[in-house]
Structure formats: C-alpha cells, structure tokens
Amino acid sequence: MWLCGAFALVCFGFAYSGFTALETLTDPAQRELSAGYAWFWTFLFAVAVVFGVLSWMIKKGKFGPIE
C-alpha cells in the first residue's frame, strides 16, 4: 500500500514536469511528444492510486471478512 503511494508520487512528479514543460516548447512535434510523455505518467499515477486504494480496502476487509 505504501509502495503504491510512493510510486504514485514519483509518477505525479514526472507528469507535472512534463505538463509544465509544454509552456516552453515551440515546436509542435516536441509539444506532442512531451504531452504524450506527461499523459503516460498521469496514467501510471492513476493506476498506482487505484491499486493503493484497492489494497487498503482489502487490508481493512471491505471486500469480505478477513480470515
């Protein structure tokens, strides 16, 4: 669960740096590549958050009794 949180923060950092770099790029091809890079890391951030929440819910027994 904690590893998902740490991975999500790393992914968020890369996505943030990718989106903030869009302001400085003037070439459309480079902007497109940078946007794709940022959206890829945003997707990984979302996956890490979902798996972190799911693992927390499983740990708390939200999907059934803990045996």
N, C-alpha and C. Protein backbone atom coordinates (compact mmCIF):
# COMPACT_ATOMS: atom_id res chain seq x y z
N MET A 1 0.82 -1.18 0.00
CA MET A 1 0.00 0.00 0.00
C MET A 1 0.88 1.26 0.00
N TRP A 2 1.90 1.27 0.84
CA TRP A 2 2.78 2.44 0.91
C TRP A 2 3.63 2.56 -0.34
N LEU A 3 4.00 1.44 -0.91
CA LEU A 3 4.79 1.48 -2.14
C LEU A 3 3.95 2.06 -3.29
N CYS A 4 2.66 1.77 -3.29
CA CYS A 4 1.79 2.37 -4.31
C CYS A 4 1.75 3.89 -4.14
N GLY A 5 1.70 4.34 -2.91
CA GLY A 5 1.70 5.78 -2.66
C GLY A 5 3.00 6.44 -3.11
N ALA A 6 4.11 5.80 -2.81
CA ALA A 6 5.41 6.35 -3.21
C ALA A 6 5.54 6.36 -4.73
N PHE A 7 5.12 5.28 -5.37
CA PHE A 7 5.18 5.22 -6.83
C PHE A 7 4.25 6.26 -7.45
N ALA A 8 3.08 6.47 -6.85
CA ALA A 8 2.15 7.47 -7.36
C ALA A 8 2.76 8.87 -7.28
N LEU A 9 3.46 9.17 -6.19
CA LEU A 9 4.10 10.48 -6.07
C LEU A 9 5.20 10.68 -7.10
N VAL A 10 5.96 9.64 -7.36
CA VAL A 10 7.01 9.72 -8.39
C VAL A 10 6.37 9.96 -9.77
N CYS A 11 5.31 9.21 -10.06
CA CYS A 11 4.63 9.37 -11.35
C CYS A 11 4.02 10.76 -11.47
N PHE A 12 3.45 11.27 -10.38
CA PHE A 12 2.88 12.61 -10.40
C PHE A 12 3.96 13.66 -10.67
N GLY A 13 5.13 13.46 -10.09
CA GLY A 13 6.23 14.40 -10.33
C GLY A 13 6.66 14.43 -11.78
N PHE A 14 6.78 13.26 -12.39
CA PHE A 14 7.15 13.21 -13.81
C PHE A 14 6.05 13.82 -14.69
N ALA A 15 4.78 13.54 -14.36
CA ALA A 15 3.68 14.11 -15.14
C ALA A 15 3.65 15.62 -15.00
N TYR A 16 3.86 16.11 -13.80
CA TYR A 16 3.87 17.56 -13.58
C TYR A 16 4.99 18.23 -14.37
N SER A 17 6.17 17.62 -14.33
CA SER A 17 7.28 18.21 -15.09
C SER A 17 7.02 18.16 -16.59
N GLY A 18 6.35 17.14 -17.06
CA GLY A 18 6.00 17.05 -18.48
C GLY A 18 4.99 18.10 -18.89
N PHE A 19 3.98 18.32 -18.06
CA PHE A 19 2.97 19.33 -18.40
C PHE A 19 3.51 20.75 -18.28
N THR A 20 4.38 20.99 -17.31
CA THR A 20 4.94 22.34 -17.19
C THR A 20 5.94 22.65 -18.29
N ALA A 21 6.54 21.62 -18.88
CA ALA A 21 7.48 21.84 -19.98
C ALA A 21 6.77 22.24 -21.27
N LEU A 22 5.46 22.01 -21.34
CA LEU A 22 4.73 22.36 -22.57
C LEU A 22 4.74 23.86 -22.84
N GLU A 23 4.83 24.66 -21.79
CA GLU A 23 4.81 26.12 -21.97
C GLU A 23 6.05 26.63 -22.70
N THR A 24 7.17 25.94 -22.52
CA THR A 24 8.43 26.43 -23.08
C THR A 24 8.71 25.91 -24.48
N LEU A 25 7.98 24.91 -24.92
CA LEU A 25 8.25 24.30 -26.23
C LEU A 25 7.51 25.06 -27.33
N THR A 26 8.20 25.30 -28.41
CA THR A 26 7.58 26.00 -29.55
C THR A 26 7.34 25.07 -30.74
N ASP A 27 8.11 24.00 -30.86
CA ASP A 27 7.97 23.07 -31.97
C ASP A 27 6.76 22.17 -31.70
N PRO A 28 5.80 22.09 -32.64
CA PRO A 28 4.61 21.26 -32.41
C PRO A 28 4.93 19.77 -32.20
N ALA A 29 5.95 19.27 -32.86
CA ALA A 29 6.30 17.86 -32.70
C ALA A 29 6.82 17.59 -31.28
N GLN A 30 7.63 18.51 -30.78
CA GLN A 30 8.14 18.35 -29.42
C GLN A 30 7.03 18.51 -28.39
N ARG A 31 6.10 19.42 -28.65
CA ARG A 31 4.97 19.59 -27.73
C ARG A 31 4.13 18.32 -27.68
N GLU A 32 3.92 17.70 -28.84
CA GLU A 32 3.14 16.47 -28.89
C GLU A 32 3.83 15.34 -28.13
N LEU A 33 5.13 15.22 -28.32
CA LEU A 33 5.88 14.18 -27.60
C LEU A 33 5.86 14.42 -26.10
N SER A 34 6.02 15.66 -25.69
CA SER A 34 6.02 15.98 -24.27
C SER A 34 4.64 15.75 -23.65
N ALA A 35 3.60 16.08 -24.40
CA ALA A 35 2.24 15.83 -23.90
C ALA A 35 1.98 14.33 -23.76
N GLY A 36 2.43 13.54 -24.72
CA GLY A 36 2.28 12.09 -24.62
C GLY A 36 3.02 11.53 -23.43
N TYR A 37 4.22 12.04 -23.20
CA TYR A 37 5.02 11.64 -22.03
C TYR A 37 4.28 11.97 -20.74
N ALA A 38 3.74 13.17 -20.66
CA ALA A 38 3.04 13.59 -19.45
C ALA A 38 1.76 12.78 -19.23
N TRP A 39 1.02 12.53 -20.30
CA TRP A 39 -0.20 11.73 -20.14
C TRP A 39 0.10 10.28 -19.77
N PHE A 40 1.21 9.72 -20.26
CA PHE A 40 1.60 8.37 -19.88
C PHE A 40 1.87 8.30 -18.38
N TRP A 41 2.61 9.28 -17.84
CA TRP A 41 2.89 9.29 -16.40
C TRP A 41 1.64 9.60 -15.60
N THR A 42 0.71 10.36 -16.14
CA THR A 42 -0.57 10.58 -15.47
C THR A 42 -1.36 9.29 -15.38
N PHE A 43 -1.33 8.50 -16.44
CA PHE A 43 -1.99 7.20 -16.43
C PHE A 43 -1.37 6.29 -15.37
N LEU A 44 -0.04 6.25 -15.30
CA LEU A 44 0.61 5.43 -14.29
C LEU A 44 0.28 5.91 -12.89
N PHE A 45 0.17 7.22 -12.69
CA PHE A 45 -0.24 7.78 -11.41
C PHE A 45 -1.63 7.28 -11.03
N ALA A 46 -2.56 7.31 -11.98
CA ALA A 46 -3.92 6.86 -11.71
C ALA A 46 -3.97 5.37 -11.37
N VAL A 47 -3.19 4.57 -12.08
CA VAL A 47 -3.15 3.14 -11.81
C VAL A 47 -2.59 2.88 -10.40
N ALA A 48 -1.54 3.59 -10.03
CA ALA A 48 -0.96 3.41 -8.70
C ALA A 48 -1.94 3.81 -7.60
N VAL A 49 -2.69 4.89 -7.82
CA VAL A 49 -3.68 5.32 -6.83
C VAL A 49 -4.78 4.28 -6.70
N VAL A 50 -5.27 3.77 -7.82
CA VAL A 50 -6.34 2.78 -7.78
C VAL A 50 -5.88 1.51 -7.05
N PHE A 51 -4.69 1.03 -7.38
CA PHE A 51 -4.20 -0.17 -6.71
C PHE A 51 -3.90 0.09 -5.23
N GLY A 52 -3.47 1.28 -4.90
CA GLY A 52 -3.25 1.62 -3.50
C GLY A 52 -4.55 1.63 -2.72
N VAL A 53 -5.58 2.21 -3.28
CA VAL A 53 -6.89 2.23 -2.62
C VAL A 53 -7.45 0.82 -2.51
N LEU A 54 -7.33 0.04 -3.57
CA LEU A 54 -7.81 -1.34 -3.51
C LEU A 54 -7.07 -2.15 -2.46
N SER A 55 -5.76 -2.00 -2.36
CA SER A 55 -5.01 -2.75 -1.35
C SER A 55 -5.39 -2.30 0.06
N TRP A 56 -5.66 -1.00 0.25
CA TRP A 56 -6.10 -0.52 1.55
C TRP A 56 -7.47 -1.11 1.90
N MET A 57 -8.37 -1.16 0.90
CA MET A 57 -9.70 -1.72 1.15
C MET A 57 -9.63 -3.21 1.46
N ILE A 58 -8.75 -3.93 0.78
CA ILE A 58 -8.58 -5.36 1.06
C ILE A 58 -8.02 -5.55 2.46
N LYS A 59 -7.06 -4.70 2.84
CA LYS A 59 -6.45 -4.79 4.17
C LYS A 59 -7.48 -4.53 5.27
N LYS A 60 -8.39 -3.60 5.04
CA LYS A 60 -9.42 -3.27 6.03
C LYS A 60 -10.60 -4.24 6.00
N GLY A 61 -10.63 -5.16 5.04
CA GLY A 61 -11.70 -6.14 4.96
C GLY A 61 -12.97 -5.62 4.32
N LYS A 62 -12.87 -4.65 3.45
CA LYS A 62 -14.06 -4.07 2.82
C LYS A 62 -14.67 -5.00 1.78
N PHE A 63 -13.94 -5.99 1.30
CA PHE A 63 -14.46 -6.91 0.28
C PHE A 63 -14.86 -8.25 0.86
N GLY A 64 -14.84 -8.38 2.15
CA GLY A 64 -15.21 -9.63 2.80
C GLY A 64 -14.47 -9.76 4.11
N PRO A 65 -14.83 -10.76 4.88
CA PRO A 65 -14.18 -10.91 6.19
C PRO A 65 -12.72 -11.33 6.05
N ILE A 66 -11.90 -10.82 6.95
CA ILE A 66 -10.50 -11.21 7.00
C ILE A 66 -10.41 -12.52 7.79
N GLU A 67 -9.83 -13.52 7.18
CA GLU A 67 -9.75 -14.83 7.84
C GLU A 67 -8.38 -15.07 8.40
